[in-house]
Amino acid sequence: MDWSRAKTILIWAFLLLDLFLGYQVYASRTQQWNDIQLVHKGAGDIELLLAQRSITLAVEIPEEIPQVHHVHVEYLTADSLMNLPLPADQQMTISDSLIIARFDKPIPLSEVKNPAEFLRGVSQRIVYADEYQPDKYYTGRGLLRYWQQYEGLPIFVAPLEFFVHKQTVTGYQQSYLRIRNQGTGRQVISAYTALRSLLEKQLIQNGETIEDVTMGYYGHEYDADIQVLAPIWRIIHDGKIDYVNAFTGAVERPVDSRLSAN
């Protein structure tokens, strides 16, 4: 074997590899810079459009453009619920993938110091309680509403909401999803692009107030064991809720009254 020739070939191969990797890093950084520039441009355009239409922006718009996935999930059913160690101090039923429970002894509302602490305090009485986080929009308005989380994002079809009656917490309703798998990660549209989509479709009216812009997961339930959830931007304006598909920009209309803003 001609070792001198082989050595030369290896040197050229590593050199070409270094050049290729260097180009990949350059392209990635260029794309990130372009994304940042687009976000900043989108922010300026949206602010001008809001001002022209007398629309108030009451929240900070997220500027991140993460990579997220489609998620394949399965609802917790009555059969699977029966296989879990269930608390004994409540009456529990399950209907249409929704757990409904009533506490034998209601909890005084005076014990609810803040939503996150309250959930930790009752975690032994609720299955998978540690997978839920409070919704800042609703809890800020006096509702004890939480969402199951996946990779740090709320799943807007898996709520946990407590019933309040005469200054006591009397029970709750809950949906829980088992995560089966996820699709390939893709970059989403910016929150500004999602907001512009609603403005262009006149779904946000002149003079309204934009109260919440949050990324999460959403999907329409259909007759199948495995459901598919897509990443969305949830935008709440004057108490009305819209979901914008974070891959396509299409508006997903909520079909479940349990998940609409109150």
Protein backbone atom coordinates (compact mmCIF):
# COMPACT_ATOMS: atom_id res chain seq x y z
CA MET A 1 0.00 0.00 0.00
CA ASP A 2 1.15 3.53 -0.85
CA TRP A 3 1.06 5.02 2.66
CA SER A 4 2.12 8.46 1.45
CA ARG A 5 -0.83 8.58 -0.96
CA ALA A 6 -3.25 7.25 1.68
CA LYS A 7 -2.03 9.88 4.13
CA THR A 8 -2.61 12.63 1.58
CA ILE A 9 -6.15 11.37 0.91
CA LEU A 10 -6.93 11.32 4.63
CA ILE A 11 -5.62 14.87 5.07
CA TRP A 12 -7.82 16.11 2.22
CA ALA A 13 -10.81 14.18 3.58
CA PHE A 14 -10.46 15.75 7.04
CA LEU A 15 -9.94 19.17 5.48
CA LEU A 16 -13.15 18.83 3.44
CA LEU A 17 -14.99 17.62 6.55
CA ASP A 18 -13.77 20.65 8.52
CA LEU A 19 -14.92 22.95 5.74
CA PHE A 20 -18.32 21.28 5.64
CA LEU A 21 -18.79 21.47 9.40
CA GLY A 22 -17.66 25.08 9.40
CA TYR A 23 -20.23 25.90 6.74
CA GLN A 24 -22.94 24.17 8.77
CA VAL A 25 -22.09 26.25 11.85
CA TYR A 26 -22.05 29.42 9.72
CA ALA A 27 -25.42 28.57 8.12
CA SER A 28 -26.96 27.78 11.51
CA ARG A 29 -25.78 31.06 13.03
CA THR A 30 -26.93 32.99 9.97
CA GLN A 31 -30.39 31.41 10.23
CA GLN A 32 -30.56 32.24 13.94
CA TRP A 33 -29.60 35.84 13.20
CA ASN A 34 -32.21 36.06 10.44
CA ASP A 35 -34.85 34.64 12.81
CA ILE A 36 -33.99 37.26 15.43
CA GLN A 37 -34.19 40.00 12.82
CA LEU A 38 -37.58 38.74 11.62
CA VAL A 39 -38.89 38.65 15.18
CA HIS A 40 -37.79 42.21 15.82
CA LYS A 41 -39.30 43.35 12.52
CA GLY A 42 -42.51 41.49 13.34
CA ALA A 43 -42.66 43.18 16.74
CA GLY A 44 -42.42 46.62 15.16
CA ASP A 45 -45.07 45.80 12.53
CA ILE A 46 -47.48 44.40 15.12
CA GLU A 47 -47.07 47.37 17.46
CA LEU A 48 -47.90 49.74 14.60
CA LEU A 49 -50.92 47.66 13.55
CA LEU A 50 -52.22 47.48 17.12
CA ALA A 51 -51.89 51.23 17.55
CA GLN A 52 -53.80 51.86 14.30
CA ARG A 53 -56.66 49.63 15.49
CA SER A 54 -56.69 50.82 19.13
CA ILE A 55 -55.89 47.31 20.37
CA THR A 56 -54.22 47.12 23.77
CA LEU A 57 -51.38 44.66 24.36
CA ALA A 58 -51.57 43.74 28.06
CA VAL A 59 -48.91 40.99 28.01
CA GLU A 60 -45.36 40.53 26.85
CA ILE A 61 -45.12 38.66 23.54
CA PRO A 62 -42.73 35.67 23.64
CA GLU A 63 -39.83 36.13 21.23
CA GLU A 64 -38.54 32.54 21.24
CA ILE A 65 -38.94 30.45 18.06
CA PRO A 66 -38.30 26.94 19.41
CA GLN A 67 -38.29 23.58 17.69
CA VAL A 68 -41.20 21.41 18.86
CA HIS A 69 -43.00 18.25 17.76
CA HIS A 70 -46.33 16.73 16.94
CA VAL A 71 -47.21 14.51 19.91
CA HIS A 72 -49.16 11.25 19.82
CA VAL A 73 -51.20 10.70 22.99
CA GLU A 74 -53.79 8.42 24.54
CA TYR A 75 -56.47 9.45 27.04
CA LEU A 76 -56.64 7.84 30.44
CA THR A 77 -59.71 5.58 30.39
CA ALA A 78 -61.96 4.16 33.09
CA ASP A 79 -60.29 0.74 32.78
CA SER A 80 -56.77 2.15 33.19
CA LEU A 81 -57.94 4.39 36.03
CA MET A 82 -59.12 1.37 37.99
CA ASN A 83 -55.56 -0.02 37.90
CA LEU A 84 -54.21 3.01 39.78
CA PRO A 85 -54.02 3.45 43.57
CA LEU A 86 -56.95 5.83 44.03
CA PRO A 87 -57.56 8.08 47.05
CA ALA A 88 -60.35 6.97 49.38
CA ASP A 89 -61.64 10.38 50.48
CA GLN A 90 -63.59 11.22 47.34
CA GLN A 91 -66.30 9.96 44.98
CA MET A 92 -64.81 9.54 41.50
CA THR A 93 -66.33 8.78 38.12
CA ILE A 94 -64.96 8.94 34.58
CA SER A 95 -66.97 9.93 31.53
CA ASP A 96 -65.75 10.78 28.01
CA SER A 97 -62.13 10.63 29.20
CA LEU A 98 -62.91 13.15 31.94
CA ILE A 99 -62.39 12.32 35.62
CA ILE A 100 -64.98 13.97 37.88
CA ALA A 101 -64.42 13.79 41.63
CA ARG A 102 -66.12 15.16 44.74
CA PHE A 103 -64.26 15.40 48.04
CA ASP A 104 -65.95 13.77 51.01
CA LYS A 105 -64.73 16.72 53.07
CA PRO A 106 -64.48 20.05 51.15
CA ILE A 107 -61.33 22.15 51.56
CA PRO A 108 -61.77 25.71 52.90
CA LEU A 109 -60.80 28.27 50.29
CA SER A 110 -58.84 30.09 52.99
CA GLU A 111 -56.23 27.32 52.71
CA VAL A 112 -55.51 28.27 49.07
CA LYS A 113 -52.52 30.62 49.46
CA ASN A 114 -51.43 30.32 45.82
CA PRO A 115 -52.39 27.87 43.04
CA ALA A 116 -49.05 26.03 42.81
CA GLU A 117 -48.82 25.54 46.57
CA PHE A 118 -52.43 24.40 46.75
CA LEU A 119 -51.86 21.69 44.12
CA ARG A 120 -48.81 20.43 46.00
CA GLY A 121 -50.91 20.26 49.16
CA VAL A 122 -53.58 18.06 47.55
CA SER A 123 -51.24 16.06 45.29
CA GLN A 124 -51.89 12.83 47.23
CA ARG A 125 -55.57 13.11 46.34
CA ILE A 126 -55.13 13.49 42.56
CA VAL A 127 -53.55 11.06 40.11
CA TYR A 128 -50.43 12.41 38.33
CA ALA A 129 -50.80 15.78 40.09
CA ASP A 130 -47.08 16.50 39.70
CA GLU A 131 -47.50 16.72 35.90
CA TYR A 132 -49.76 19.78 36.08
CA GLN A 133 -48.96 23.47 36.35
CA PRO A 134 -51.30 26.42 37.00
CA ASP A 135 -52.51 28.58 34.15
CA LYS A 136 -51.44 32.13 35.00
CA TYR A 137 -54.26 33.68 33.00
CA TYR A 138 -57.06 31.81 34.77
CA THR A 139 -55.57 31.66 38.25
CA GLY A 140 -55.05 35.41 38.02
CA ARG A 141 -58.82 35.65 37.64
CA GLY A 142 -59.66 33.44 40.59
CA LEU A 143 -60.06 30.08 38.81
CA LEU A 144 -58.06 27.08 40.00
CA ARG A 145 -57.24 25.78 36.51
CA TYR A 146 -54.14 23.77 35.62
CA TRP A 147 -52.80 22.02 32.52
CA GLN A 148 -50.85 18.82 32.10
CA GLN A 149 -47.34 19.62 30.85
CA TYR A 150 -45.16 18.07 28.16
CA GLU A 151 -41.56 19.27 27.74
CA GLY A 152 -42.42 22.42 29.66
CA LEU A 153 -45.46 23.32 27.54
CA PRO A 154 -49.12 23.11 28.60
CA ILE A 155 -51.43 20.61 26.91
CA PHE A 156 -54.62 22.59 26.34
CA VAL A 157 -56.81 19.49 26.12
CA ALA A 158 -55.68 18.04 29.46
CA PRO A 159 -57.13 20.33 32.15
CA LEU A 160 -57.33 19.96 35.89
CA GLU A 161 -59.87 22.36 37.37
CA PHE A 162 -61.17 22.54 40.92
CA PHE A 163 -64.81 23.22 41.82
CA VAL A 164 -65.36 26.11 44.23
CA HIS A 165 -68.67 26.46 46.09
CA LYS A 166 -69.47 28.68 49.06
CA GLN A 167 -65.83 29.42 49.88
CA THR A 168 -64.78 25.76 49.74
CA VAL A 169 -63.08 23.54 47.15
CA THR A 170 -65.56 20.69 46.71
CA GLY A 171 -63.88 18.57 44.03
CA TYR A 172 -62.33 18.68 40.59
CA GLN A 173 -62.46 17.55 36.98
CA GLN A 174 -59.39 16.26 35.18
CA SER A 175 -58.22 14.87 31.86
CA TYR A 176 -54.92 13.03 31.63
CA LEU A 177 -52.97 11.97 28.54
CA ARG A 178 -50.36 9.26 28.21
CA ILE A 179 -47.61 10.35 25.83
CA ARG A 180 -46.96 7.59 23.29
CA ASN A 181 -44.38 9.17 20.97
CA GLN A 182 -43.53 12.37 19.17
CA GLY A 183 -42.76 13.43 15.64
CA THR A 184 -39.63 15.07 14.31
CA GLY A 185 -38.84 18.49 15.76
CA ARG A 186 -39.64 21.48 13.54
CA GLN A 187 -39.29 25.20 14.01
CA VAL A 188 -42.54 27.03 14.71
CA ILE A 189 -43.81 30.37 13.52
CA SER A 190 -43.25 33.29 15.86
CA ALA A 191 -45.92 34.55 18.24
CA TYR A 192 -45.97 37.76 16.19
CA THR A 193 -46.83 35.80 13.04
CA ALA A 194 -49.64 34.00 14.91
CA LEU A 195 -50.95 37.31 16.21
CA ARG A 196 -50.86 38.85 12.74
CA SER A 197 -52.90 35.90 11.44
CA LEU A 198 -55.72 36.70 13.87
CA LEU A 199 -55.54 40.42 13.14
CA GLU A 200 -55.70 39.88 9.37
CA LYS A 201 -58.71 37.56 9.76
CA GLN A 202 -60.44 40.23 11.91
CA LEU A 203 -60.75 37.72 14.76
CA ILE A 204 -59.30 40.36 17.08
CA GLN A 205 -61.57 43.37 16.85
CA ASN A 206 -60.66 47.04 17.06
CA GLY A 207 -60.49 48.26 20.64
CA GLU A 208 -59.98 44.82 22.21
CA THR A 209 -57.26 43.87 24.69
CA ILE A 210 -54.82 41.01 24.08
CA GLU A 211 -54.55 39.32 27.48
CA ASP A 212 -52.49 36.18 26.92
CA VAL A 213 -50.08 34.69 24.36
CA THR A 214 -48.85 31.22 25.31
CA MET A 215 -47.39 28.29 23.38
CA GLY A 216 -48.73 24.81 24.10
CA TYR A 217 -50.30 21.74 22.54
CA TYR A 218 -53.83 21.34 21.19
CA GLY A 219 -55.86 18.89 19.12
CA HIS A 220 -59.44 17.96 18.30
CA GLU A 221 -60.55 14.71 19.92
CA TYR A 222 -61.77 12.08 17.48
CA ASP A 223 -62.79 8.42 17.61
CA ALA A 224 -59.39 6.73 17.79
CA ASP A 225 -57.22 5.26 20.51
CA ILE A 226 -54.27 7.53 19.66
CA GLN A 227 -54.78 11.27 19.27
CA VAL A 228 -52.42 13.75 17.61
CA LEU A 229 -51.62 17.09 19.22
CA ALA A 230 -49.97 19.97 17.38
CA PRO A 231 -48.03 22.88 18.86
CA ILE A 232 -50.15 26.03 18.92
CA TRP A 233 -50.11 29.61 20.09
CA ARG A 234 -53.02 30.30 22.45
CA ILE A 235 -54.11 33.92 22.18
CA ILE A 236 -56.79 35.28 24.53
CA HIS A 237 -58.36 38.65 23.74
CA ASP A 238 -61.22 40.20 25.71
CA GLY A 239 -61.88 36.80 27.29
CA LYS A 240 -62.15 35.04 23.91
CA ILE A 241 -59.70 32.30 23.03
CA ASP A 242 -58.10 31.38 19.71
CA TYR A 243 -55.53 28.71 18.90
CA VAL A 244 -53.13 29.25 15.99
CA ASN A 245 -51.28 26.21 14.63
CA ALA A 246 -47.60 26.96 15.25
CA PHE A 247 -46.52 25.02 12.14
CA THR A 248 -49.05 26.21 9.55
CA GLY A 249 -50.49 29.44 10.97
CA ALA A 250 -54.04 28.07 10.56
CA VAL A 251 -56.60 29.03 13.20
CA GLU A 252 -57.87 26.07 15.24
CA ARG A 253 -61.31 26.85 16.64
CA PRO A 254 -61.95 25.44 20.14
CA VAL A 255 -64.71 22.82 20.07
CA ASP A 256 -64.88 21.99 23.78
CA SER A 257 -66.64 24.45 26.08
CA ARG A 258 -64.54 23.18 28.99
CA LEU A 259 -61.45 24.70 27.40
CA SER A 260 -62.79 28.10 26.32
CA ALA A 261 -62.07 31.20 28.32
CA ASN A 262 -64.56 32.13 31.01
